[in-house]
């Protein structure tokens, strides 16, 4: 039969016996574990940053394609206004100048964006996509207006 004094001795001895090494050894083990964890965190951050940079670059490429497509439409508009009256040509040229300015601002905004984090990027990308869609719509709508204003004679001669 175990008395209370023996039980305390077994408990204390068992507790001390479960410790693996001296305090200095525990500190060294803890430092090694901390170093390994920091290396894993650093590698994960690098992987995240690489993936994020790739996503930003892919978005920039998509936007560049959209802008190139609208540049073709703007050139088509420029070609159309040369066939209009001088008065109407000035009005159209003013509108084209505004479209080209909008395009330039979008390109600059995208080029100057410095990624501050994934949440900022999501917000920027969402708003920028809205702006690109508005820009594309403006170009397309203006082109449609020009097509509607063509006289029946212009269509026959074309």
C-alpha atoms as a PDB file:
ATOM      1  CA  UNK A   1       0.000   0.000   0.000  1.00  0.00           C
ATOM      2  CA  UNK A   2       1.222   3.465  -0.983  1.00  0.00           C
ATOM      3  CA  UNK A   3       1.014   6.182   1.603  1.00  0.00           C
ATOM      4  CA  UNK A   4       0.634   9.877   0.838  1.00  0.00           C
ATOM      5  CA  UNK A   5       4.343  10.573   1.244  1.00  0.00           C
ATOM      6  CA  UNK A   6       5.265   7.903  -1.335  1.00  0.00           C
ATOM      7  CA  UNK A   7       2.582   9.135  -3.719  1.00  0.00           C
ATOM      8  CA  UNK A   8       3.968  12.657  -3.589  1.00  0.00           C
ATOM      9  CA  UNK A   9       7.470  11.330  -4.179  1.00  0.00           C
ATOM     10  CA  UNK A  10       6.333   9.289  -7.190  1.00  0.00           C
ATOM     11  CA  UNK A  11       4.371  12.241  -8.593  1.00  0.00           C
ATOM     12  CA  UNK A  12       7.210  14.723  -8.193  1.00  0.00           C
ATOM     13  CA  UNK A  13       9.793  12.248  -9.481  1.00  0.00           C
ATOM     14  CA  UNK A  14       7.567  11.352 -12.418  1.00  0.00           C
ATOM     15  CA  UNK A  15       7.033  14.996 -13.251  1.00  0.00           C
ATOM     16  CA  UNK A  16      10.712  15.757 -13.116  1.00  0.00           C
ATOM     17  CA  UNK A  17      11.532  12.561 -14.982  1.00  0.00           C
ATOM     18  CA  UNK A  18       9.244  13.595 -17.860  1.00  0.00           C
ATOM     19  CA  UNK A  19      11.292  16.710 -18.513  1.00  0.00           C
ATOM     20  CA  UNK A  20      13.623  16.106 -21.396  1.00  0.00           C
ATOM     21  CA  UNK A  21      16.915  17.612 -20.498  1.00  0.00           C
ATOM     22  CA  UNK A  22      18.149  20.601 -18.692  1.00  0.00           C
ATOM     23  CA  UNK A  23      16.704  24.081 -19.007  1.00  0.00           C
ATOM     24  CA  UNK A  24      19.596  25.092 -21.286  1.00  0.00           C
ATOM     25  CA  UNK A  25      18.842  22.157 -23.567  1.00  0.00           C
ATOM     26  CA  UNK A  26      15.166  23.129 -23.645  1.00  0.00           C
ATOM     27  CA  UNK A  27      16.106  26.676 -24.603  1.00  0.00           C
ATOM     28  CA  UNK A  28      18.303  25.421 -27.453  1.00  0.00           C
ATOM     29  CA  UNK A  29      15.504  23.141 -28.670  1.00  0.00           C
ATOM     30  CA  UNK A  30      13.048  26.015 -28.473  1.00  0.00           C
ATOM     31  CA  UNK A  31      15.402  28.285 -30.398  1.00  0.00           C
ATOM     32  CA  UNK A  32      15.827  25.646 -33.111  1.00  0.00           C
ATOM     33  CA  UNK A  33      12.065  25.195 -33.342  1.00  0.00           C
ATOM     34  CA  UNK A  34      11.556  28.953 -33.502  1.00  0.00           C
ATOM     35  CA  UNK A  35      14.167  29.291 -36.256  1.00  0.00           C
ATOM     36  CA  UNK A  36      12.533  26.507 -38.273  1.00  0.00           C
ATOM     37  CA  UNK A  37       9.102  28.115 -37.833  1.00  0.00           C
ATOM     38  CA  UNK A  38      10.443  31.497 -38.939  1.00  0.00           C
ATOM     39  CA  UNK A  39      11.972  29.910 -42.039  1.00  0.00           C
ATOM     40  CA  UNK A  40       8.611  28.305 -42.873  1.00  0.00           C
ATOM     41  CA  UNK A  41       6.835  31.628 -42.423  1.00  0.00           C
ATOM     42  CA  UNK A  42       9.417  33.369 -44.592  1.00  0.00           C
ATOM     43  CA  UNK A  43       9.018  30.746 -47.342  1.00  0.00           C
ATOM     44  CA  UNK A  44       5.224  31.025 -47.155  1.00  0.00           C
ATOM     45  CA  UNK A  45       5.426  34.828 -47.444  1.00  0.00           C
ATOM     46  CA  UNK A  46       7.699  34.509 -50.470  1.00  0.00           C
ATOM     47  CA  UNK A  47       5.304  32.028 -52.108  1.00  0.00           C
ATOM     48  CA  UNK A  48       2.379  34.352 -51.419  1.00  0.00           C
ATOM     49  CA  UNK A  49       4.226  37.385 -52.801  1.00  0.00           C
ATOM     50  CA  UNK A  50       5.251  35.462 -55.930  1.00  0.00           C
ATOM     51  CA  UNK A  51       1.665  34.315 -56.529  1.00  0.00           C
ATOM     52  CA  UNK A  52       0.363  37.817 -55.860  1.00  0.00           C
ATOM     53  CA  UNK A  53       2.869  39.370 -58.286  1.00  0.00           C
ATOM     54  CA  UNK A  54       1.847  36.843 -60.912  1.00  0.00           C
ATOM     55  CA  UNK A  55      -1.837  37.699 -60.421  1.00  0.00           C
ATOM     56  CA  UNK A  56      -1.094  41.431 -60.729  1.00  0.00           C
ATOM     57  CA  UNK A  57       0.927  40.876 -63.915  1.00  0.00           C
ATOM     58  CA  UNK A  58      -1.814  38.706 -65.439  1.00  0.00           C
ATOM     59  CA  UNK A  59      -4.371  41.416 -64.669  1.00  0.00           C
ATOM     60  CA  UNK A  60      -2.137  44.052 -66.255  1.00  0.00           C
ATOM     61  CA  UNK A  61      -1.829  41.915 -69.379  1.00  0.00           C
ATOM     62  CA  UNK A  62      -5.616  41.482 -69.586  1.00  0.00           C
ATOM     63  CA  UNK A  63      -6.118  45.223 -69.219  1.00  0.00           C
ATOM     64  CA  UNK A  64      -3.466  45.941 -71.839  1.00  0.00           C
ATOM     65  CA  UNK A  65      -5.318  43.697 -74.285  1.00  0.00           C
ATOM     66  CA  UNK A  66      -8.595  45.513 -73.594  1.00  0.00           C
ATOM     67  CA  UNK A  67      -6.924  48.888 -74.047  1.00  0.00           C
ATOM     68  CA  UNK A  68      -5.306  47.753 -77.307  1.00  0.00           C
ATOM     69  CA  UNK A  69      -8.708  46.642 -78.546  1.00  0.00           C
ATOM     70  CA  UNK A  70     -10.196  50.048 -77.733  1.00  0.00           C
ATOM     71  CA  UNK A  71      -7.256  51.789 -79.421  1.00  0.00           C
ATOM     72  CA  UNK A  72      -8.284  50.042 -82.640  1.00  0.00           C
ATOM     73  CA  UNK A  73     -11.812  51.348 -82.175  1.00  0.00           C
ATOM     74  CA  UNK A  74     -10.536  54.862 -81.501  1.00  0.00           C
ATOM     75  CA  UNK A  75      -8.510  54.731 -84.689  1.00  0.00           C
ATOM     76  CA  UNK A  76     -11.657  53.636 -86.518  1.00  0.00           C
ATOM     77  CA  UNK A  77     -13.418  56.671 -85.046  1.00  0.00           C
ATOM     78  CA  UNK A  78     -10.617  58.953 -86.217  1.00  0.00           C
ATOM     79  CA  UNK A  79     -10.921  57.546 -89.714  1.00  0.00           C
ATOM     80  CA  UNK A  80     -14.675  58.159 -89.704  1.00  0.00           C
ATOM     81  CA  UNK A  81     -14.421  61.798 -88.668  1.00  0.00           C
ATOM     82  CA  UNK A  82     -12.201  62.658 -91.595  1.00  0.00           C
ATOM     83  CA  UNK A  83     -15.220  61.929 -93.815  1.00  0.00           C
ATOM     84  CA  UNK A  84     -17.555  64.300 -91.924  1.00  0.00           C
ATOM     85  CA  UNK A  85     -18.100  68.013 -92.120  1.00  0.00           C
ATOM     86  CA  UNK A  86     -15.560  70.272 -90.436  1.00  0.00           C
ATOM     87  CA  UNK A  87     -18.049  71.339 -87.765  1.00  0.00           C
ATOM     88  CA  UNK A  88     -19.078  67.802 -86.927  1.00  0.00           C
ATOM     89  CA  UNK A  89     -15.457  66.671 -87.136  1.00  0.00           C
ATOM     90  CA  UNK A  90     -14.470  69.131 -84.391  1.00  0.00           C
ATOM     91  CA  UNK A  91     -17.207  67.807 -82.118  1.00  0.00           C
ATOM     92  CA  UNK A  92     -16.171  64.229 -82.769  1.00  0.00           C
ATOM     93  CA  UNK A  93     -12.495  65.059 -82.349  1.00  0.00           C
ATOM     94  CA  UNK A  94     -13.252  66.606 -78.955  1.00  0.00           C
ATOM     95  CA  UNK A  95     -14.990  63.407 -77.907  1.00  0.00           C
ATOM     96  CA  UNK A  96     -12.102  61.280 -79.209  1.00  0.00           C
ATOM     97  CA  UNK A  97      -9.621  63.456 -77.315  1.00  0.00           C
ATOM     98  CA  UNK A  98     -11.582  62.813 -74.119  1.00  0.00           C
ATOM     99  CA  UNK A  99     -11.551  59.074 -74.798  1.00  0.00           C
ATOM    100  CA  UNK A 100      -7.811  59.104 -75.404  1.00  0.00           C
ATOM    101  CA  UNK A 101      -7.276  61.082 -72.212  1.00  0.00           C
ATOM    102  CA  UNK A 102      -9.368  58.534 -70.284  1.00  0.00           C
ATOM    103  CA  UNK A 103      -7.306  55.730 -71.793  1.00  0.00           C
ATOM    104  CA  UNK A 104      -4.078  57.458 -70.811  1.00  0.00           C
ATOM    105  CA  UNK A 105      -5.300  57.953 -67.228  1.00  0.00           C
ATOM    106  CA  UNK A 106      -6.254  54.286 -66.947  1.00  0.00           C
ATOM    107  CA  UNK A 107      -2.868  53.153 -68.218  1.00  0.00           C
ATOM    108  CA  UNK A 108      -1.067  55.494 -65.813  1.00  0.00           C
ATOM    109  CA  UNK A 109      -3.216  54.427 -62.893  1.00  0.00           C
ATOM    110  CA  UNK A 110      -2.449  50.783 -63.553  1.00  0.00           C
ATOM    111  CA  UNK A 111       1.277  51.394 -64.050  1.00  0.00           C
ATOM    112  CA  UNK A 112       1.588  53.490 -60.910  1.00  0.00           C
ATOM    113  CA  UNK A 113      -0.275  51.087 -58.649  1.00  0.00           C
ATOM    114  CA  UNK A 114       1.947  49.786 -55.898  1.00  0.00           C
ATOM    115  CA  UNK A 115       0.481  46.669 -54.320  1.00  0.00           C
ATOM    116  CA  UNK A 116       0.033  47.188 -50.605  1.00  0.00           C
ATOM    117  CA  UNK A 117      -1.656  43.879 -49.924  1.00  0.00           C
ATOM    118  CA  UNK A 118      -4.227  41.449 -51.165  1.00  0.00           C
ATOM    119  CA  UNK A 119      -7.226  43.345 -49.792  1.00  0.00           C
ATOM    120  CA  UNK A 120      -6.090  46.628 -51.345  1.00  0.00           C
ATOM    121  CA  UNK A 121      -5.463  44.817 -54.617  1.00  0.00           C
ATOM    122  CA  UNK A 122      -8.942  43.262 -54.619  1.00  0.00           C
ATOM    123  CA  UNK A 123     -10.504  46.680 -54.103  1.00  0.00           C
ATOM    124  CA  UNK A 124      -8.280  48.336 -56.710  1.00  0.00           C
ATOM    125  CA  UNK A 125      -8.946  45.577 -59.243  1.00  0.00           C
ATOM    126  CA  UNK A 126     -12.701  45.766 -58.708  1.00  0.00           C
ATOM    127  CA  UNK A 127     -12.831  49.547 -59.178  1.00  0.00           C
ATOM    128  CA  UNK A 128     -10.382  49.454 -62.068  1.00  0.00           C
ATOM    129  CA  UNK A 129     -12.461  46.798 -63.862  1.00  0.00           C
ATOM    130  CA  UNK A 130     -15.490  49.075 -63.504  1.00  0.00           C
ATOM    131  CA  UNK A 131     -13.516  51.967 -65.004  1.00  0.00           C
ATOM    132  CA  UNK A 132     -12.286  49.827 -67.907  1.00  0.00           C
ATOM    133  CA  UNK A 133     -15.837  48.647 -68.623  1.00  0.00           C
ATOM    134  CA  UNK A 134     -17.076  52.258 -68.586  1.00  0.00           C
ATOM    135  CA  UNK A 135     -14.261  53.260 -70.936  1.00  0.00           C
ATOM    136  CA  UNK A 136     -14.976  50.393 -73.336  1.00  0.00           C
ATOM    137  CA  UNK A 137     -18.677  51.262 -73.274  1.00  0.00           C
ATOM    138  CA  UNK A 138     -17.915  54.916 -74.047  1.00  0.00           C
ATOM    139  CA  UNK A 139     -15.858  53.975 -77.071  1.00  0.00           C
ATOM    140  CA  UNK A 140     -18.408  51.446 -78.317  1.00  0.00           C
ATOM    141  CA  UNK A 141     -21.341  53.808 -77.758  1.00  0.00           C
ATOM    142  CA  UNK A 142     -19.621  56.636 -79.584  1.00  0.00           C
ATOM    143  CA  UNK A 143     -18.836  54.322 -82.475  1.00  0.00           C
ATOM    144  CA  UNK A 144     -22.488  53.260 -82.578  1.00  0.00           C
ATOM    145  CA  UNK A 145     -23.599  56.908 -82.594  1.00  0.00           C
ATOM    146  CA  UNK A 146     -21.372  57.575 -85.575  1.00  0.00           C
ATOM    147  CA  UNK A 147     -22.740  54.579 -87.417  1.00  0.00           C
ATOM    148  CA  UNK A 148     -26.308  55.732 -86.780  1.00  0.00           C
ATOM    149  CA  UNK A 149     -25.549  59.249 -87.996  1.00  0.00           C
ATOM    150  CA  UNK A 150     -24.151  58.052 -91.296  1.00  0.00           C
ATOM    151  CA  UNK A 151     -26.399  59.187 -94.049  1.00  0.00           C
ATOM    152  CA  UNK A 152     -27.951  56.698 -96.469  1.00  0.00           C
ATOM    153  CA  UNK A 153     -25.748  58.203 -99.216  1.00  0.00           C
ATOM    154  CA  UNK A 154     -22.605  57.423 -97.177  1.00  0.00           C
ATOM    155  CA  UNK A 155     -23.736  53.831 -96.815  1.00  0.00           C
ATOM    156  CA  UNK A 156     -24.407  53.515-100.553  1.00  0.00           C
ATOM    157  CA  UNK A 157     -21.061  54.994-101.511  1.00  0.00           C
ATOM    158  CA  UNK A 158     -19.171  52.739 -99.099  1.00  0.00           C
END
